[in-house]
Amino acid sequence: MAPSPLLVRPPALASPPLSPRRCPSALVAAASVRTAPAPTARAPFSRHRTKCRFAASDVREDFSSTPIDIVADVKTEKIVVLGGSGFVGSAICKAAVSKGIEVVSLSRSGRPSYSDPWVDQVNWLAGDVFYARWDEVLVGATAVVSTLGGFGNEEQMKRINGEANVIAVDAAKQYGVPKFILISVHDYNLPSFLLTSGYFTGKRKAESEVLSKYPASGVVLRPGFIYGKRKVNGFEIPLDAIGQPLEKLLSSVENFTKPLSSLPASDLVLAPPVSVDDVAYAVINGIVDDSFFGVFTIEQIKEAAANVRV
């Protein structure tokens, strides 16, 4: 039986050795490409091993050898979401899974109590940022996304909004994670004495750490009121019933309200709400787009989300 003309064999010893090369475009029709299977959830960002086989007329054949393997590197994404079981964190996990990104969530509660289909595609870890074993949590991560934040007394707000995020940023940098994305808060034009509360000072401290440690890849998102369907203890709170109409209203009268934006505390009323899905997809934009870094306002968050939704 005649040997298969599609198998590539090195030339006889009398001829000079062939130098490694890629499949030429002219031979694409003659090339047989085999790709190693990858998990469905990571398909868009998987690493593939591609075998190129040249036509017999183009390469001198020696049927005693094996085909030539050419390994092609394709970008792989794996993110660690801090607070992934929370309102914003779960939306980010869901959006990342929908884009084929591998997701690890670290939160005190671990796996959420509800059972949506995407939940099974996330690796849920229960733990505290202050005592986390970062060498295990961050292994293989290409980005860390922090949704850490909350209210309480002054010390509690400084600790969870500021110190916890600083610890996370420093750990990510130490273990070589190339990107850090922080969900912060809108820069409200409030009187200075209100901006000195632990909530705002903590958030700004976290922002400074991100921008200092990740000057060319750190992302700070500054949304205002975030709306969506929030699940709490098995119940769903439809924040979108308030946020969505308000967002549309403020957008429709934006040209009339802009002159009022300089008034103290006007942002409390005039800063448009943001969909939790817009925040989540803006995060995805930051993960997949290396040119996306810096501080992003409410409108820029929406624009970034639109880029990924397309």
Protein backbone atom coordinates (compact mmCIF):
# COMPACT_ATOMS: atom_id res chain seq x y z
CA MET A 1 0.00 0.00 0.00
CA ALA A 2 1.33 3.44 -0.92
CA PRO A 3 2.16 5.60 2.13
CA SER A 4 -0.11 8.54 2.98
CA PRO A 5 0.98 11.70 1.14
CA LEU A 6 -0.13 13.83 4.10
CA LEU A 7 2.50 12.64 6.57
CA VAL A 8 5.50 14.96 6.86
CA ARG A 9 8.84 13.19 6.95
CA PRO A 10 12.28 14.78 7.37
CA PRO A 11 14.50 14.70 4.25
CA ALA A 12 17.11 12.05 3.62
CA LEU A 13 20.49 12.53 5.31
CA ALA A 14 22.06 13.57 2.03
CA SER A 15 19.97 16.70 1.94
CA PRO A 16 20.39 19.68 4.30
CA PRO A 17 17.95 19.61 7.27
CA LEU A 18 14.76 21.57 6.96
CA SER A 19 14.47 24.58 9.28
CA PRO A 20 11.31 24.79 11.41
CA ARG A 21 8.51 26.75 9.73
CA ARG A 22 4.83 27.44 10.04
CA CYS A 23 2.17 26.21 7.65
CA PRO A 24 2.45 28.47 4.53
CA SER A 25 -0.77 30.19 3.55
CA ALA A 26 -0.65 28.61 0.09
CA LEU A 27 -0.85 25.18 1.67
CA VAL A 28 -3.75 25.83 4.01
CA ALA A 29 -6.05 23.72 1.88
CA ALA A 30 -3.55 20.84 2.02
CA ALA A 31 -2.89 21.16 5.75
CA SER A 32 -4.64 18.96 8.24
CA VAL A 33 -5.05 20.70 11.60
CA ARG A 34 -5.65 18.79 14.78
CA THR A 35 -6.51 20.58 18.03
CA ALA A 36 -6.32 19.11 21.52
CA PRO A 37 -9.73 19.12 23.22
CA ALA A 38 -10.27 21.85 25.79
CA PRO A 39 -12.96 22.30 28.47
CA THR A 40 -16.05 23.97 27.02
CA ALA A 41 -16.02 26.81 29.55
CA ARG A 42 -12.52 27.92 28.53
CA ALA A 43 -12.80 27.41 24.79
CA PRO A 44 -12.31 31.04 23.67
CA PHE A 45 -9.05 31.35 25.62
CA SER A 46 -7.64 27.81 25.45
CA ARG A 47 -4.09 26.76 24.62
CA HIS A 48 -4.07 24.59 21.49
CA ARG A 49 -1.52 22.16 20.09
CA THR A 50 -1.69 22.35 16.31
CA LYS A 51 -0.20 19.77 13.95
CA CYS A 52 0.59 21.00 10.43
CA ARG A 53 1.02 18.39 7.68
CA PHE A 54 2.41 19.46 4.29
CA ALA A 55 1.43 18.03 0.93
CA ALA A 56 3.73 15.39 -0.54
CA SER A 57 4.69 17.56 -3.51
CA ASP A 58 6.16 20.23 -1.25
CA VAL A 59 8.24 18.19 1.18
CA ARG A 60 10.59 15.30 0.50
CA GLU A 61 9.24 12.26 2.35
CA ASP A 62 10.89 9.69 4.59
CA PHE A 63 8.21 7.37 5.89
CA SER A 64 10.21 6.09 8.86
CA SER A 65 9.67 9.20 11.01
CA THR A 66 6.78 10.94 12.81
CA PRO A 67 4.80 14.10 11.93
CA ILE A 68 6.13 17.54 12.89
CA ASP A 69 4.32 19.23 15.79
CA ILE A 70 3.98 23.02 15.95
CA VAL A 71 2.67 24.36 19.27
CA ALA A 72 0.62 27.57 19.06
CA ASP A 73 0.07 29.60 22.23
CA VAL A 74 -3.41 31.08 22.60
CA LYS A 75 -4.25 33.45 25.47
CA THR A 76 -5.70 31.75 28.54
CA GLU A 77 -7.62 33.65 31.22
CA LYS A 78 -8.19 32.65 34.83
CA ILE A 79 -9.55 35.18 37.31
CA VAL A 80 -9.92 35.24 41.07
CA VAL A 81 -12.97 37.20 42.23
CA LEU A 82 -12.81 38.41 45.83
CA GLY A 83 -16.35 38.50 47.20
CA GLY A 84 -17.62 36.43 44.28
CA SER A 85 -20.72 35.23 46.10
CA GLY A 86 -21.99 38.79 46.69
CA PHE A 87 -24.27 40.96 44.56
CA VAL A 88 -21.62 42.46 42.27
CA GLY A 89 -19.20 39.54 42.59
CA SER A 90 -21.72 36.94 41.44
CA ALA A 91 -22.59 39.06 38.38
CA ILE A 92 -18.88 39.19 37.50
CA CYS A 93 -18.51 35.43 37.94
CA LYS A 94 -21.55 34.81 35.73
CA ALA A 95 -20.33 37.17 32.99
CA ALA A 96 -16.83 35.64 33.05
CA VAL A 97 -18.22 32.10 32.74
CA SER A 98 -20.35 33.21 29.78
CA LYS A 99 -17.14 34.38 28.05
CA GLY A 100 -15.31 31.12 28.65
CA ILE A 101 -13.05 32.46 31.41
CA GLU A 102 -11.99 30.18 34.26
CA VAL A 103 -13.25 31.61 37.56
CA VAL A 104 -12.25 31.15 41.20
CA SER A 105 -14.25 32.95 43.90
CA LEU A 106 -12.95 33.66 47.39
CA SER A 107 -15.49 34.84 49.96
CA ARG A 108 -16.43 34.12 53.55
CA SER A 109 -19.62 32.32 52.58
CA GLY A 110 -18.08 30.25 49.79
CA ARG A 111 -20.60 28.79 47.36
CA PRO A 112 -23.91 30.68 47.12
CA SER A 113 -27.11 28.97 48.24
CA TYR A 114 -28.90 29.27 44.89
CA SER A 115 -28.22 26.89 42.01
CA ASP A 116 -28.18 28.71 38.67
CA PRO A 117 -26.51 26.72 35.84
CA TRP A 118 -23.38 28.93 35.75
CA VAL A 119 -22.72 28.38 39.47
CA ASP A 120 -21.35 24.89 38.84
CA GLN A 121 -18.67 26.33 36.54
CA VAL A 122 -17.06 28.43 39.30
CA ASN A 123 -14.53 27.13 41.82
CA TRP A 124 -15.96 28.44 45.12
CA LEU A 125 -13.55 28.90 48.01
CA ALA A 126 -14.60 29.85 51.54
CA GLY A 127 -12.05 32.05 53.30
CA ASP A 128 -11.09 35.42 54.73
CA VAL A 129 -8.84 37.80 52.77
CA PHE A 130 -6.90 38.57 55.95
CA TYR A 131 -5.97 34.89 56.43
CA ALA A 132 -5.99 33.60 52.85
CA ARG A 133 -3.34 31.17 51.60
CA TRP A 134 -2.55 33.25 48.56
CA ASP A 135 -0.08 30.78 47.11
CA GLU A 136 -3.01 28.39 46.62
CA VAL A 137 -5.73 30.91 45.78
CA LEU A 138 -3.76 32.79 43.10
CA VAL A 139 -2.07 29.89 41.33
CA GLY A 140 -2.39 30.38 37.57
CA ALA A 141 -4.44 33.60 37.89
CA THR A 142 -4.16 36.21 35.14
CA ALA A 143 -6.26 38.79 37.01
CA VAL A 144 -7.70 39.47 40.45
CA VAL A 145 -11.05 41.28 40.73
CA SER A 146 -11.97 42.75 44.11
CA THR A 147 -15.54 43.61 45.04
CA LEU A 148 -14.62 43.97 48.73
CA GLY A 149 -16.38 46.77 50.55
CA GLY A 150 -19.10 47.52 53.04
CA PHE A 151 -20.51 49.74 55.74
CA GLY A 152 -20.20 49.74 59.52
CA ASN A 153 -18.40 51.81 62.10
CA GLU A 154 -15.33 53.80 61.12
CA GLU A 155 -12.82 51.08 61.93
CA GLN A 156 -14.81 48.40 60.16
CA MET A 157 -15.15 50.49 57.00
CA LYS A 158 -11.45 51.34 56.93
CA ARG A 159 -10.60 47.68 57.39
CA ILE A 160 -12.87 46.12 54.75
CA ASN A 161 -12.79 48.94 52.16
CA GLY A 162 -9.13 49.81 52.58
CA GLU A 163 -6.93 47.32 54.42
CA ALA A 164 -8.49 44.19 52.93
CA ASN A 165 -8.03 45.48 49.40
CA VAL A 166 -4.47 46.61 50.08
CA ILE A 167 -3.60 43.12 51.32
CA ALA A 168 -5.14 41.61 48.19
CA VAL A 169 -3.28 43.97 45.85
CA ASP A 170 0.05 43.28 47.53
CA ALA A 171 -0.54 39.51 47.42
CA ALA A 172 -1.46 39.61 43.73
CA LYS A 173 1.67 41.59 42.95
CA GLN A 174 3.88 39.29 45.04
CA TYR A 175 2.62 36.18 43.25
CA GLY A 176 2.98 37.67 39.79
CA VAL A 177 -0.67 38.20 38.82
CA PRO A 178 -0.49 40.64 35.87
CA LYS A 179 -3.78 42.52 36.43
CA PHE A 180 -5.84 43.83 39.33
CA ILE A 181 -9.37 45.23 38.96
CA LEU A 182 -11.04 47.10 41.82
CA ILE A 183 -14.72 47.94 42.16
CA SER A 184 -14.59 51.31 43.91
CA VAL A 185 -17.12 54.13 44.27
CA HIS A 186 -18.12 57.21 42.30
CA ASP A 187 -16.22 60.40 43.10
CA TYR A 188 -19.14 62.21 44.69
CA ASN A 189 -18.88 65.99 45.06
CA LEU A 190 -19.78 65.79 48.72
CA PRO A 191 -18.58 68.21 51.40
CA SER A 192 -15.07 67.28 52.56
CA PHE A 193 -16.18 66.30 56.06
CA LEU A 194 -18.39 63.55 54.58
CA LEU A 195 -15.59 62.26 52.36
CA THR A 196 -13.40 61.62 55.40
CA SER A 197 -15.56 58.71 56.53
CA GLY A 198 -13.98 55.27 56.65
CA TYR A 199 -15.94 54.15 53.61
CA PHE A 200 -14.52 56.76 51.22
CA THR A 201 -11.03 56.95 52.73
CA GLY A 202 -10.81 53.16 52.62
CA LYS A 203 -11.83 53.02 48.95
CA ARG A 204 -9.38 55.74 47.96
CA LYS A 205 -6.58 54.00 49.85
CA ALA A 206 -7.34 50.83 47.90
CA GLU A 207 -7.36 52.77 44.62
CA SER A 208 -3.94 54.26 45.37
CA GLU A 209 -2.52 50.81 46.04
CA VAL A 210 -3.88 49.44 42.75
CA LEU A 211 -2.59 52.34 40.69
CA SER A 212 0.77 52.25 42.45
CA LYS A 213 1.41 48.52 42.13
CA TYR A 214 -0.25 48.19 38.70
CA PRO A 215 0.39 51.50 36.89
CA ALA A 216 0.00 49.98 33.40
CA SER A 217 -2.57 47.25 34.05
CA GLY A 218 -4.59 48.23 37.12
CA VAL A 219 -8.28 49.02 36.66
CA VAL A 220 -10.41 51.10 39.04
CA LEU A 221 -14.15 51.21 38.29
CA ARG A 222 -16.13 53.97 40.00
CA PRO A 223 -19.84 53.19 39.71
CA GLY A 224 -22.54 55.02 41.63
CA PHE A 225 -25.70 53.23 42.74
CA ILE A 226 -25.59 49.70 41.28
CA TYR A 227 -28.91 48.10 40.49
CA GLY A 228 -30.04 44.63 39.48
CA LYS A 229 -31.76 41.61 41.00
CA ARG A 230 -30.08 41.05 44.34
CA LYS A 231 -30.50 37.70 46.07
CA VAL A 232 -30.51 37.78 49.88
CA ASN A 233 -31.27 34.71 52.01
CA GLY A 234 -33.22 33.06 49.24
CA PHE A 235 -35.20 36.18 48.38
CA GLU A 236 -34.73 38.33 45.29
CA ILE A 237 -34.70 42.10 45.77
CA PRO A 238 -35.50 43.82 42.43
CA LEU A 239 -33.25 46.87 42.69
CA ASP A 240 -33.65 47.28 38.95
CA ALA A 241 -37.28 48.30 39.51
CA ILE A 242 -35.89 51.56 40.89
CA GLY A 243 -32.50 51.85 39.24
CA GLN A 244 -33.43 51.19 35.62
CA PRO A 245 -36.18 53.83 35.30
CA LEU A 246 -34.01 56.32 37.18
CA GLU A 247 -31.08 55.68 34.87
CA LYS A 248 -33.27 56.26 31.80
CA LEU A 249 -34.74 59.42 33.30
CA LEU A 250 -31.38 60.94 34.18
CA SER A 251 -29.98 60.05 30.76
CA SER A 252 -32.90 61.75 29.02
CA VAL A 253 -32.44 65.01 30.96
CA GLU A 254 -28.65 64.95 31.05
CA ASN A 255 -28.27 68.12 28.96
CA PHE A 256 -30.42 70.03 31.43
CA THR A 257 -28.81 68.68 34.60
CA LYS A 258 -25.15 69.12 33.61
CA PRO A 259 -25.01 72.74 34.80
CA LEU A 260 -26.15 71.54 38.22
CA SER A 261 -23.32 69.02 38.60
CA SER A 262 -21.04 71.61 40.20
CA LEU A 263 -23.40 72.12 43.12
CA PRO A 264 -22.26 70.44 46.36
CA ALA A 265 -23.80 66.98 46.86
CA SER A 266 -25.69 67.17 43.56
CA ASP A 267 -24.17 63.82 42.59
CA LEU A 268 -26.30 62.10 45.20
CA VAL A 269 -29.29 62.82 42.97
CA LEU A 270 -27.82 63.36 39.51
CA ALA A 271 -25.21 60.58 39.24
CA PRO A 272 -26.96 57.94 37.10
CA PRO A 273 -27.34 54.41 38.46
CA VAL A 274 -25.40 51.60 36.80
CA SER A 275 -26.63 48.12 35.96
CA VAL A 276 -24.74 45.36 37.79
CA ASP A 277 -24.38 43.67 34.40
CA ASP A 278 -22.67 46.78 33.00
CA VAL A 279 -20.21 46.69 35.89
CA ALA A 280 -19.60 42.98 35.29
CA TYR A 281 -18.99 43.37 31.56
CA ALA A 282 -16.73 46.37 32.14
CA VAL A 283 -14.66 44.03 34.32
CA ILE A 284 -14.55 41.50 31.48
CA ASN A 285 -13.34 44.27 29.17
CA GLY A 286 -10.54 44.97 31.63
CA ILE A 287 -9.60 41.30 31.69
CA VAL A 288 -9.38 40.71 27.95
CA ASP A 289 -8.16 44.13 26.78
CA ASP A 290 -4.57 44.95 27.79
CA SER A 291 -5.03 48.59 26.75
CA PHE A 292 -7.84 49.03 29.28
CA PHE A 293 -6.39 50.39 32.53
CA GLY A 294 -6.72 53.39 34.81
CA VAL A 295 -9.74 54.98 36.52
CA PHE A 296 -13.17 54.73 34.86
CA THR A 297 -16.26 56.85 35.53
CA ILE A 298 -19.90 55.82 35.31
CA GLU A 299 -20.21 56.66 31.62
CA GLN A 300 -16.91 54.97 30.80
CA ILE A 301 -18.07 51.84 32.61
CA LYS A 302 -21.13 51.71 30.37
CA GLU A 303 -19.01 52.22 27.25
CA ALA A 304 -16.62 49.44 28.29
CA ALA A 305 -19.54 47.10 28.91
CA ALA A 306 -20.96 47.86 25.47
CA ASN A 307 -17.66 46.86 23.87
CA VAL A 308 -17.88 43.38 25.39
CA ARG A 309 -21.61 42.86 24.87
CA VAL A 310 -21.24 43.19 21.07
